[in-house]
């Protein structure tokens, strides 16, 4: 299982790259479980996410406030890889065991 973790999907370069990676992975490995984890579930790129991809929100605007919710999410969902960028990198960095 792969988790793509971003603050949100508002229009921006990093968001575009992450959506492209997610879509490419989904096309190449359609039976793999992919989760899109967002700090906030908002943004124009949400419409591009396939229905087969599960979308979760931590309901946090800032990466620093997402640390504990991210740890709880990781303990609940057994993932193999987390791909993250932008403010999500703060939560991911401090959540490492």
PDB file of N, CA and C in Angstrom:
ATOM      1  N   UNK A   1       0.845  -1.170   0.000  1.00  0.00           N
ATOM      2  CA  UNK A   1       0.000   0.000   0.000  1.00  0.00           C
ATOM      3  C   UNK A   1       0.893   1.237   0.000  1.00  0.00           C
ATOM      4  N   UNK A   2       0.524   2.183  -0.828  1.00  0.00           N
ATOM      5  CA  UNK A   2       1.259   3.444  -0.923  1.00  0.00           C
ATOM      6  C   UNK A   2       0.356   4.585  -0.471  1.00  0.00           C
ATOM      7  N   UNK A   3       0.917   5.484   0.339  1.00  0.00           N
ATOM      8  CA  UNK A   3       0.207   6.670   0.798  1.00  0.00           C
ATOM      9  C   UNK A   3       0.883   7.893   0.173  1.00  0.00           C
ATOM     10  N   UNK A   4       0.098   8.698  -0.519  1.00  0.00           N
ATOM     11  CA  UNK A   4       0.553   9.983  -1.026  1.00  0.00           C
ATOM     12  C   UNK A   4       0.038  11.033  -0.052  1.00  0.00           C
ATOM     13  N   UNK A   5       0.939  11.809   0.530  1.00  0.00           N
ATOM     14  CA  UNK A   5       0.587  12.732   1.612  1.00  0.00           C
ATOM     15  C   UNK A   5       0.939  14.161   1.215  1.00  0.00           C
ATOM     16  N   UNK A   6      -0.078  15.023   1.158  1.00  0.00           N
ATOM     17  CA  UNK A   6       0.089  16.435   0.813  1.00  0.00           C
ATOM     18  C   UNK A   6      -0.775  17.293   1.722  1.00  0.00           C
ATOM     19  N   UNK A   7      -0.435  18.568   1.858  1.00  0.00           N
ATOM     20  CA  UNK A   7      -1.285  19.457   2.654  1.00  0.00           C
ATOM     21  C   UNK A   7      -2.685  19.614   2.059  1.00  0.00           C
ATOM     22  N   UNK A   8      -2.774  19.744   0.735  1.00  0.00           N
ATOM     23  CA  UNK A   8      -4.056  19.869   0.034  1.00  0.00           C
ATOM     24  C   UNK A   8      -3.786  19.710  -1.459  1.00  0.00           C
ATOM     25  N   UNK A   9      -4.810  19.853  -2.280  1.00  0.00           N
ATOM     26  CA  UNK A   9      -4.638  19.724  -3.731  1.00  0.00           C
ATOM     27  C   UNK A   9      -4.971  21.015  -4.463  1.00  0.00           C
ATOM     28  N   UNK A  10      -4.652  22.144  -3.836  1.00  0.00           N
ATOM     29  CA  UNK A  10      -4.813  23.413  -4.531  1.00  0.00           C
ATOM     30  C   UNK A  10      -3.772  23.482  -5.647  1.00  0.00           C
ATOM     31  N   UNK A  11      -4.063  24.271  -6.659  1.00  0.00           N
ATOM     32  CA  UNK A  11      -3.210  24.310  -7.837  1.00  0.00           C
ATOM     33  C   UNK A  11      -1.814  24.823  -7.487  1.00  0.00           C
ATOM     34  N   UNK A  12      -0.824  24.021  -7.833  1.00  0.00           N
ATOM     35  CA  UNK A  12       0.581  24.359  -7.627  1.00  0.00           C
ATOM     36  C   UNK A  12       1.454  23.314  -8.290  1.00  0.00           C
ATOM     37  N   UNK A  13       2.715  23.611  -8.441  1.00  0.00           N
ATOM     38  CA  UNK A  13       3.633  22.709  -9.127  1.00  0.00           C
ATOM     39  C   UNK A  13       3.852  21.389  -8.411  1.00  0.00           C
ATOM     40  N   UNK A  14       4.092  21.431  -7.104  1.00  0.00           N
ATOM     41  CA  UNK A  14       4.316  20.203  -6.342  1.00  0.00           C
ATOM     42  C   UNK A  14       3.064  19.338  -6.323  1.00  0.00           C
ATOM     43  N   UNK A  15       1.914  19.975  -6.207  1.00  0.00           N
ATOM     44  CA  UNK A  15       0.648  19.233  -6.215  1.00  0.00           C
ATOM     45  C   UNK A  15       0.441  18.552  -7.570  1.00  0.00           C
ATOM     46  N   UNK A  16       0.751  19.263  -8.652  1.00  0.00           N
ATOM     47  CA  UNK A  16       0.610  18.692  -9.999  1.00  0.00           C
ATOM     48  C   UNK A  16       1.509  17.474 -10.158  1.00  0.00           C
ATOM     49  N   UNK A  17       2.746  17.579  -9.689  1.00  0.00           N
ATOM     50  CA  UNK A  17       3.693  16.462  -9.785  1.00  0.00           C
ATOM     51  C   UNK A  17       3.184  15.263  -8.989  1.00  0.00           C
ATOM     52  N   UNK A  18       2.700  15.502  -7.781  1.00  0.00           N
ATOM     53  CA  UNK A  18       2.217  14.396  -6.945  1.00  0.00           C
ATOM     54  C   UNK A  18       0.976  13.742  -7.541  1.00  0.00           C
ATOM     55  N   UNK A  19       0.073  14.530  -8.099  1.00  0.00           N
ATOM     56  CA  UNK A  19      -1.111  13.959  -8.749  1.00  0.00           C
ATOM     57  C   UNK A  19      -0.687  13.143  -9.962  1.00  0.00           C
ATOM     58  N   UNK A  20       0.266  13.638 -10.732  1.00  0.00           N
ATOM     59  CA  UNK A  20       0.766  12.881 -11.888  1.00  0.00           C
ATOM     60  C   UNK A  20       1.400  11.562 -11.452  1.00  0.00           C
ATOM     61  N   UNK A  21       2.186  11.584 -10.371  1.00  0.00           N
ATOM     62  CA  UNK A  21       2.772  10.346  -9.850  1.00  0.00           C
ATOM     63  C   UNK A  21       1.692   9.364  -9.411  1.00  0.00           C
ATOM     64  N   UNK A  22       0.708   9.867  -8.684  1.00  0.00           N
ATOM     65  CA  UNK A  22      -0.392   9.028  -8.219  1.00  0.00           C
ATOM     66  C   UNK A  22      -1.137   8.399  -9.398  1.00  0.00           C
ATOM     67  N   UNK A  23      -1.472   9.211 -10.390  1.00  0.00           N
ATOM     68  CA  UNK A  23      -2.201   8.712 -11.560  1.00  0.00           C
ATOM     69  C   UNK A  23      -1.372   7.700 -12.343  1.00  0.00           C
ATOM     70  N   UNK A  24      -0.093   7.968 -12.487  1.00  0.00           N
ATOM     71  CA  UNK A  24       0.790   7.051 -13.198  1.00  0.00           C
ATOM     72  C   UNK A  24       0.896   5.711 -12.476  1.00  0.00           C
ATOM     73  N   UNK A  25       1.062   5.772 -11.160  1.00  0.00           N
ATOM     74  CA  UNK A  25       1.131   4.544 -10.381  1.00  0.00           C
ATOM     75  C   UNK A  25      -0.184   3.776 -10.464  1.00  0.00           C
ATOM     76  N   UNK A  26      -1.282   4.484 -10.381  1.00  0.00           N
ATOM     77  CA  UNK A  26      -2.603   3.851 -10.458  1.00  0.00           C
ATOM     78  C   UNK A  26      -2.815   3.174 -11.820  1.00  0.00           C
ATOM     79  N   UNK A  27      -2.375   3.810 -12.885  1.00  0.00           N
ATOM     80  CA  UNK A  27      -2.494   3.211 -14.226  1.00  0.00           C
ATOM     81  C   UNK A  27      -1.626   1.977 -14.363  1.00  0.00           C
ATOM     82  N   UNK A  28      -0.416   2.065 -13.855  1.00  0.00           N
ATOM     83  CA  UNK A  28       0.546   0.976 -14.018  1.00  0.00           C
ATOM     84  C   UNK A  28       0.214  -0.228 -13.136  1.00  0.00           C
ATOM     85  N   UNK A  29      -0.279   0.021 -11.944  1.00  0.00           N
ATOM     86  CA  UNK A  29      -0.597  -1.039 -10.978  1.00  0.00           C
ATOM     87  C   UNK A  29      -2.027  -0.867 -10.476  1.00  0.00           C
ATOM     88  N   UNK A  30      -3.010  -1.137 -11.315  1.00  0.00           N
ATOM     89  CA  UNK A  30      -4.408  -0.853 -10.953  1.00  0.00           C
ATOM     90  C   UNK A  30      -4.938  -1.652  -9.760  1.00  0.00           C
ATOM     91  N   UNK A  31      -4.327  -2.755  -9.434  1.00  0.00           N
ATOM     92  CA  UNK A  31      -4.811  -3.562  -8.314  1.00  0.00           C
ATOM     93  C   UNK A  31      -4.158  -3.186  -6.988  1.00  0.00           C
ATOM     94  N   UNK A  32      -3.184  -2.291  -7.025  1.00  0.00           N
ATOM     95  CA  UNK A  32      -2.515  -1.867  -5.802  1.00  0.00           C
ATOM     96  C   UNK A  32      -3.402  -0.906  -5.023  1.00  0.00           C
ATOM     97  N   UNK A  33      -3.271  -0.957  -3.725  1.00  0.00           N
ATOM     98  CA  UNK A  33      -4.025  -0.058  -2.853  1.00  0.00           C
ATOM     99  C   UNK A  33      -3.267   1.265  -2.748  1.00  0.00           C
ATOM    100  N   UNK A  34      -3.945   2.355  -3.109  1.00  0.00           N
ATOM    101  CA  UNK A  34      -3.365   3.698  -3.030  1.00  0.00           C
ATOM    102  C   UNK A  34      -4.269   4.555  -2.154  1.00  0.00           C
ATOM    103  N   UNK A  35      -3.654   5.280  -1.236  1.00  0.00           N
ATOM    104  CA  UNK A  35      -4.385   6.206  -0.380  1.00  0.00           C
ATOM    105  C   UNK A  35      -3.822   7.603  -0.600  1.00  0.00           C
ATOM    106  N   UNK A  36      -4.701   8.553  -0.775  1.00  0.00           N
ATOM    107  CA  UNK A  36      -4.320   9.962  -0.829  1.00  0.00           C
ATOM    108  C   UNK A  36      -4.668  10.560   0.525  1.00  0.00           C
ATOM    109  N   UNK A  37      -3.658  10.979   1.262  1.00  0.00           N
ATOM    110  CA  UNK A  37      -3.842  11.577   2.581  1.00  0.00           C
ATOM    111  C   UNK A  37      -3.589  13.075   2.466  1.00  0.00           C
ATOM    112  N   UNK A  38      -4.562  13.856   2.876  1.00  0.00           N
ATOM    113  CA  UNK A  38      -4.461  15.310   2.775  1.00  0.00           C
ATOM    114  C   UNK A  38      -4.578  15.955   4.150  1.00  0.00           C
ATOM    115  N   UNK A  39      -3.849  17.043   4.327  1.00  0.00           N
ATOM    116  CA  UNK A  39      -4.039  17.837   5.538  1.00  0.00           C
ATOM    117  C   UNK A  39      -5.442  18.407   5.546  1.00  0.00           C
ATOM    118  N   UNK A  40      -5.857  18.939   4.407  1.00  0.00           N
ATOM    119  CA  UNK A  40      -7.219  19.436   4.204  1.00  0.00           C
ATOM    120  C   UNK A  40      -7.717  18.906   2.870  1.00  0.00           C
ATOM    121  N   UNK A  41      -8.928  18.406   2.860  1.00  0.00           N
ATOM    122  CA  UNK A  41      -9.503  17.876   1.622  1.00  0.00           C
ATOM    123  C   UNK A  41     -10.101  19.030   0.814  1.00  0.00           C
ATOM    124  N   UNK A  42      -9.212  19.694   0.068  1.00  0.00           N
ATOM    125  CA  UNK A  42      -9.662  20.785  -0.785  1.00  0.00           C
ATOM    126  C   UNK A  42      -8.661  20.976  -1.917  1.00  0.00           C
ATOM    127  N   UNK A  43      -9.132  21.586  -2.994  1.00  0.00           N
ATOM    128  CA  UNK A  43      -8.256  21.904  -4.109  1.00  0.00           C
ATOM    129  C   UNK A  43      -8.833  21.463  -5.440  1.00  0.00           C
ATOM    130  N   UNK A  44      -8.397  22.149  -6.477  1.00  0.00           N
ATOM    131  CA  UNK A  44      -8.902  21.895  -7.826  1.00  0.00           C
ATOM    132  C   UNK A  44      -8.489  20.536  -8.392  1.00  0.00           C
ATOM    133  N   UNK A  45      -7.394  19.970  -7.902  1.00  0.00           N
ATOM    134  CA  UNK A  45      -6.936  18.683  -8.421  1.00  0.00           C
ATOM    135  C   UNK A  45      -7.735  17.491  -7.883  1.00  0.00           C
ATOM    136  N   UNK A  46      -8.611  17.709  -6.916  1.00  0.00           N
ATOM    137  CA  UNK A  46      -9.417  16.608  -6.366  1.00  0.00           C
ATOM    138  C   UNK A  46     -10.240  15.901  -7.433  1.00  0.00           C
ATOM    139  N   UNK A  47     -10.700  16.666  -8.425  1.00  0.00           N
ATOM    140  CA  UNK A  47     -11.522  16.087  -9.496  1.00  0.00           C
ATOM    141  C   UNK A  47     -10.763  15.078 -10.342  1.00  0.00           C
ATOM    142  N   UNK A  48      -9.437  15.114 -10.315  1.00  0.00           N
ATOM    143  CA  UNK A  48      -8.631  14.225 -11.136  1.00  0.00           C
ATOM    144  C   UNK A  48      -8.328  12.884 -10.464  1.00  0.00           C
ATOM    145  N   UNK A  49      -8.647  12.758  -9.205  1.00  0.00           N
ATOM    146  CA  UNK A  49      -8.335  11.542  -8.463  1.00  0.00           C
ATOM    147  C   UNK A  49      -9.377  10.465  -8.788  1.00  0.00           C
ATOM    148  N   UNK A  50      -8.927   9.287  -9.251  1.00  0.00           N
ATOM    149  CA  UNK A  50      -9.873   8.209  -9.583  1.00  0.00           C
ATOM    150  C   UNK A  50     -10.654   7.727  -8.364  1.00  0.00           C
ATOM    151  N   UNK A  51     -11.837   7.211  -8.607  1.00  0.00           N
ATOM    152  CA  UNK A  51     -12.684   6.712  -7.518  1.00  0.00           C
ATOM    153  C   UNK A  51     -12.033   5.558  -6.760  1.00  0.00           C
ATOM    154  N   UNK A  52     -11.159   4.810  -7.422  1.00  0.00           N
ATOM    155  CA  UNK A  52     -10.510   3.660  -6.790  1.00  0.00           C
ATOM    156  C   UNK A  52      -9.482   4.077  -5.740  1.00  0.00           C
ATOM    157  N   UNK A  53      -9.087   5.342  -5.754  1.00  0.00           N
ATOM    158  CA  UNK A  53      -8.114   5.847  -4.779  1.00  0.00           C
ATOM    159  C   UNK A  53      -8.873   6.384  -3.568  1.00  0.00           C
ATOM    160  N   UNK A  54      -8.518   5.857  -2.416  1.00  0.00           N
ATOM    161  CA  UNK A  54      -9.154   6.282  -1.169  1.00  0.00           C
ATOM    162  C   UNK A  54      -8.554   7.617  -0.715  1.00  0.00           C
ATOM    163  N   UNK A  55      -9.413   8.578  -0.387  1.00  0.00           N
ATOM    164  CA  UNK A  55      -8.963   9.896   0.057  1.00  0.00           C
ATOM    165  C   UNK A  55      -9.312  10.072   1.535  1.00  0.00           C
ATOM    166  N   UNK A  56      -8.290  10.435   2.331  1.00  0.00           N
ATOM    167  CA  UNK A  56      -8.470  10.691   3.762  1.00  0.00           C
ATOM    168  C   UNK A  56      -7.970  12.095   4.077  1.00  0.00           C
ATOM    169  N   UNK A  57      -8.575  12.725   5.062  1.00  0.00           N
ATOM    170  CA  UNK A  57      -8.162  14.064   5.479  1.00  0.00           C
ATOM    171  C   UNK A  57      -7.832  14.060   6.965  1.00  0.00           C
ATOM    172  N   UNK A  58      -6.764  14.756   7.317  1.00  0.00           N
ATOM    173  CA  UNK A  58      -6.404  14.924   8.722  1.00  0.00           C
ATOM    174  C   UNK A  58      -7.067  16.158   9.324  1.00  0.00           C
ATOM    175  N   UNK A  59      -7.721  16.955   8.498  1.00  0.00           N
ATOM    176  CA  UNK A  59      -8.379  18.199   8.926  1.00  0.00           C
ATOM    177  C   UNK A  59      -7.416  19.131   9.663  1.00  0.00           C
ATOM    178  N   UNK A  60      -6.241  19.303   9.060  1.00  0.00           N
ATOM    179  CA  UNK A  60      -5.217  20.190   9.620  1.00  0.00           C
ATOM    180  C   UNK A  60      -4.666  21.072   8.512  1.00  0.00           C
ATOM    181  N   UNK A  61      -4.552  22.376   8.780  1.00  0.00           N
ATOM    182  CA  UNK A  61      -4.022  23.310   7.784  1.00  0.00           C
ATOM    183  C   UNK A  61      -2.500  23.300   7.735  1.00  0.00           C
ATOM    184  N   UNK A  62      -1.863  23.120   8.873  1.00  0.00           N
ATOM    185  CA  UNK A  62      -0.407  23.230   8.951  1.00  0.00           C
ATOM    186  C   UNK A  62       0.226  21.883   9.251  1.00  0.00           C
ATOM    187  N   UNK A  63       1.404  21.679   8.672  1.00  0.00           N
ATOM    188  CA  UNK A  63       2.119  20.423   8.861  1.00  0.00           C
ATOM    189  C   UNK A  63       2.458  20.128  10.304  1.00  0.00           C
ATOM    190  N   UNK A  64       2.810  21.153  11.052  1.00  0.00           N
ATOM    191  CA  UNK A  64       3.202  20.956  12.445  1.00  0.00           C
ATOM    192  C   UNK A  64       2.030  20.443  13.291  1.00  0.00           C
ATOM    193  N   UNK A  65       0.805  20.854  12.962  1.00  0.00           N
ATOM    194  CA  UNK A  65      -0.359  20.381  13.724  1.00  0.00           C
ATOM    195  C   UNK A  65      -0.848  19.015  13.240  1.00  0.00           C
ATOM    196  N   UNK A  66      -0.271  18.524  12.151  1.00  0.00           N
ATOM    197  CA  UNK A  66      -0.682  17.227  11.598  1.00  0.00           C
ATOM    198  C   UNK A  66       0.156  16.063  12.121  1.00  0.00           C
ATOM    199  N   UNK A  67       1.149  16.347  12.955  1.00  0.00           N
ATOM    200  CA  UNK A  67       2.057  15.284  13.398  1.00  0.00           C
ATOM    201  C   UNK A  67       1.318  14.163  14.122  1.00  0.00           C
ATOM    202  N   UNK A  68       0.590  14.472  15.175  1.00  0.00           N
ATOM    203  CA  UNK A  68      -0.107  13.423  15.934  1.00  0.00           C
ATOM    204  C   UNK A  68      -1.192  12.727  15.112  1.00  0.00           C
ATOM    205  N   UNK A  69      -2.030  13.476  14.368  1.00  0.00           N
ATOM    206  CA  UNK A  69      -3.002  12.779  13.519  1.00  0.00           C
ATOM    207  C   UNK A  69      -2.334  11.876  12.470  1.00  0.00           C
ATOM    208  N   UNK A  70      -1.180  12.307  11.962  1.00  0.00           N
ATOM    209  CA  UNK A  70      -0.457  11.485  10.985  1.00  0.00           C
ATOM    210  C   UNK A  70       0.065  10.204  11.628  1.00  0.00           C
ATOM    211  N   UNK A  71       0.594  10.304  12.835  1.00  0.00           N
ATOM    212  CA  UNK A  71       1.069   9.112  13.552  1.00  0.00           C
ATOM    213  C   UNK A  71      -0.086   8.142  13.785  1.00  0.00           C
ATOM    214  N   UNK A  72      -1.237   8.670  14.214  1.00  0.00           N
ATOM    215  CA  UNK A  72      -2.413   7.810  14.432  1.00  0.00           C
ATOM    216  C   UNK A  72      -2.849   7.139  13.129  1.00  0.00           C
ATOM    217  N   UNK A  73      -2.830   7.898  12.044  1.00  0.00           N
ATOM    218  CA  UNK A  73      -3.191   7.342  10.739  1.00  0.00           C
ATOM    219  C   UNK A  73      -2.237   6.212  10.357  1.00  0.00           C
ATOM    220  N   UNK A  74      -0.941   6.428  10.540  1.00  0.00           N
ATOM    221  CA  UNK A  74       0.063   5.413  10.181  1.00  0.00           C
ATOM    222  C   UNK A  74      -0.069   4.157  11.038  1.00  0.00           C
ATOM    223  N   UNK A  75      -0.430   4.319  12.298  1.00  0.00           N
ATOM    224  CA  UNK A  75      -0.623   3.158  13.160  1.00  0.00           C
ATOM    225  C   UNK A  75      -1.863   2.362  12.766  1.00  0.00           C
ATOM    226  N   UNK A  76      -2.861   3.056  12.240  1.00  0.00           N
ATOM    227  CA  UNK A  76      -4.113   2.412  11.841  1.00  0.00           C
ATOM    228  C   UNK A  76      -3.998   1.745  10.472  1.00  0.00           C
ATOM    229  N   UNK A  77      -3.340   2.412   9.549  1.00  0.00           N
ATOM    230  CA  UNK A  77      -3.235   1.919   8.167  1.00  0.00           C
ATOM    231  C   UNK A  77      -1.825   1.382   7.955  1.00  0.00           C
ATOM    232  N   UNK A  78      -1.725   0.116   7.702  1.00  0.00           N
ATOM    233  CA  UNK A  78      -0.418  -0.504   7.497  1.00  0.00           C
ATOM    234  C   UNK A  78       0.023  -0.261   6.055  1.00  0.00           C
ATOM    235  N   UNK A  79       0.955   0.647   5.895  1.00  0.00           N
ATOM    236  CA  UNK A  79       1.423   1.045   4.573  1.00  0.00           C
ATOM    237  C   UNK A  79       2.856   0.561   4.354  1.00  0.00           C
ATOM    238  N   UNK A  80       3.260   0.553   3.098  1.00  0.00           N
ATOM    239  CA  UNK A  80       4.630   0.179   2.762  1.00  0.00           C
ATOM    240  C   UNK A  80       5.478   1.413   2.476  1.00  0.00           C
ATOM    241  N   UNK A  81       4.859   2.398   1.829  1.00  0.00           N
ATOM    242  CA  UNK A  81       5.584   3.594   1.410  1.00  0.00           C
ATOM    243  C   UNK A  81       4.717   4.823   1.652  1.00  0.00           C
ATOM    244  N   UNK A  82       5.351   5.912   2.091  1.00  0.00           N
ATOM    245  CA  UNK A  82       4.687   7.209   2.159  1.00  0.00           C
ATOM    246  C   UNK A  82       5.479   8.158   1.266  1.00  0.00           C
ATOM    247  N   UNK A  83       4.794   8.753   0.309  1.00  0.00           N
ATOM    248  CA  UNK A  83       5.396   9.753  -0.569  1.00  0.00           C
ATOM    249  C   UNK A  83       4.792  11.087  -0.163  1.00  0.00           C
ATOM    250  N   UNK A  84       5.636  12.039   0.193  1.00  0.00           N
ATOM    251  CA  UNK A  84       5.120  13.301   0.713  1.00  0.00           C
ATOM    252  C   UNK A  84       5.904  14.483   0.151  1.00  0.00           C
ATOM    253  N   UNK A  85       5.306  15.662   0.291  1.00  0.00           N
ATOM    254  CA  UNK A  85       5.948  16.896  -0.153  1.00  0.00           C
ATOM    255  C   UNK A  85       5.369  18.077   0.606  1.00  0.00           C
ATOM    256  N   UNK A  86       5.993  19.217   0.455  1.00  0.00           N
ATOM    257  CA  UNK A  86       5.553  20.481   1.049  1.00  0.00           C
ATOM    258  C   UNK A  86       5.398  20.377   2.560  1.00  0.00           C
ATOM    259  N   UNK A  87       4.357  20.930   3.121  1.00  0.00           N
ATOM    260  CA  UNK A  87       4.141  20.951   4.564  1.00  0.00           C
ATOM    261  C   UNK A  87       3.978  19.565   5.162  1.00  0.00           C
ATOM    262  N   UNK A  88       3.598  18.595   4.359  1.00  0.00           N
ATOM    263  CA  UNK A  88       3.461  17.222   4.857  1.00  0.00           C
ATOM    264  C   UNK A  88       4.817  16.647   5.253  1.00  0.00           C
ATOM    265  N   UNK A  89       5.897  17.204   4.726  1.00  0.00           N
ATOM    266  CA  UNK A  89       7.223  16.703   5.066  1.00  0.00           C
ATOM    267  C   UNK A  89       7.548  16.967   6.538  1.00  0.00           C
ATOM    268  N   UNK A  90       7.014  18.044   7.100  1.00  0.00           N
ATOM    269  CA  UNK A  90       7.246  18.341   8.520  1.00  0.00           C
ATOM    270  C   UNK A  90       6.628  17.254   9.386  1.00  0.00           C
ATOM    271  N   UNK A  91       5.365  16.936   9.131  1.00  0.00           N
ATOM    272  CA  UNK A  91       4.680  15.901   9.901  1.00  0.00           C
ATOM    273  C   UNK A  91       5.365  14.553   9.707  1.00  0.00           C
ATOM    274  N   UNK A  92       5.746  14.238   8.488  1.00  0.00           N
ATOM    275  CA  UNK A  92       6.385  12.958   8.192  1.00  0.00           C
ATOM    276  C   UNK A  92       7.741  12.845   8.885  1.00  0.00           C
ATOM    277  N   UNK A  93       8.489  13.934   8.887  1.00  0.00           N
ATOM    278  CA  UNK A  93       9.809  13.926   9.521  1.00  0.00           C
ATOM    279  C   UNK A  93       9.701  13.653  11.027  1.00  0.00           C
ATOM    280  N   UNK A  94       8.825  14.372  11.701  1.00  0.00           N
ATOM    281  CA  UNK A  94       8.700  14.222  13.148  1.00  0.00           C
ATOM    282  C   UNK A  94       7.954  12.952  13.549  1.00  0.00           C
ATOM    283  N   UNK A  95       7.244  12.344  12.635  1.00  0.00           N
ATOM    284  CA  UNK A  95       6.498  11.120  12.945  1.00  0.00           C
ATOM    285  C   UNK A  95       7.342   9.868  12.806  1.00  0.00           C
ATOM    286  N   UNK A  96       8.534   9.974  12.256  1.00  0.00           N
ATOM    287  CA  UNK A  96       9.384   8.795  12.091  1.00  0.00           C
ATOM    288  C   UNK A  96       9.629   8.136  13.438  1.00  0.00           C
ATOM    289  N   UNK A  97       9.614   6.786  13.441  1.00  0.00           N
ATOM    290  CA  UNK A  97       9.903   6.093  14.708  1.00  0.00           C
ATOM    291  C   UNK A  97      11.359   6.266  15.106  1.00  0.00           C
TER     292      UNK A  97
END
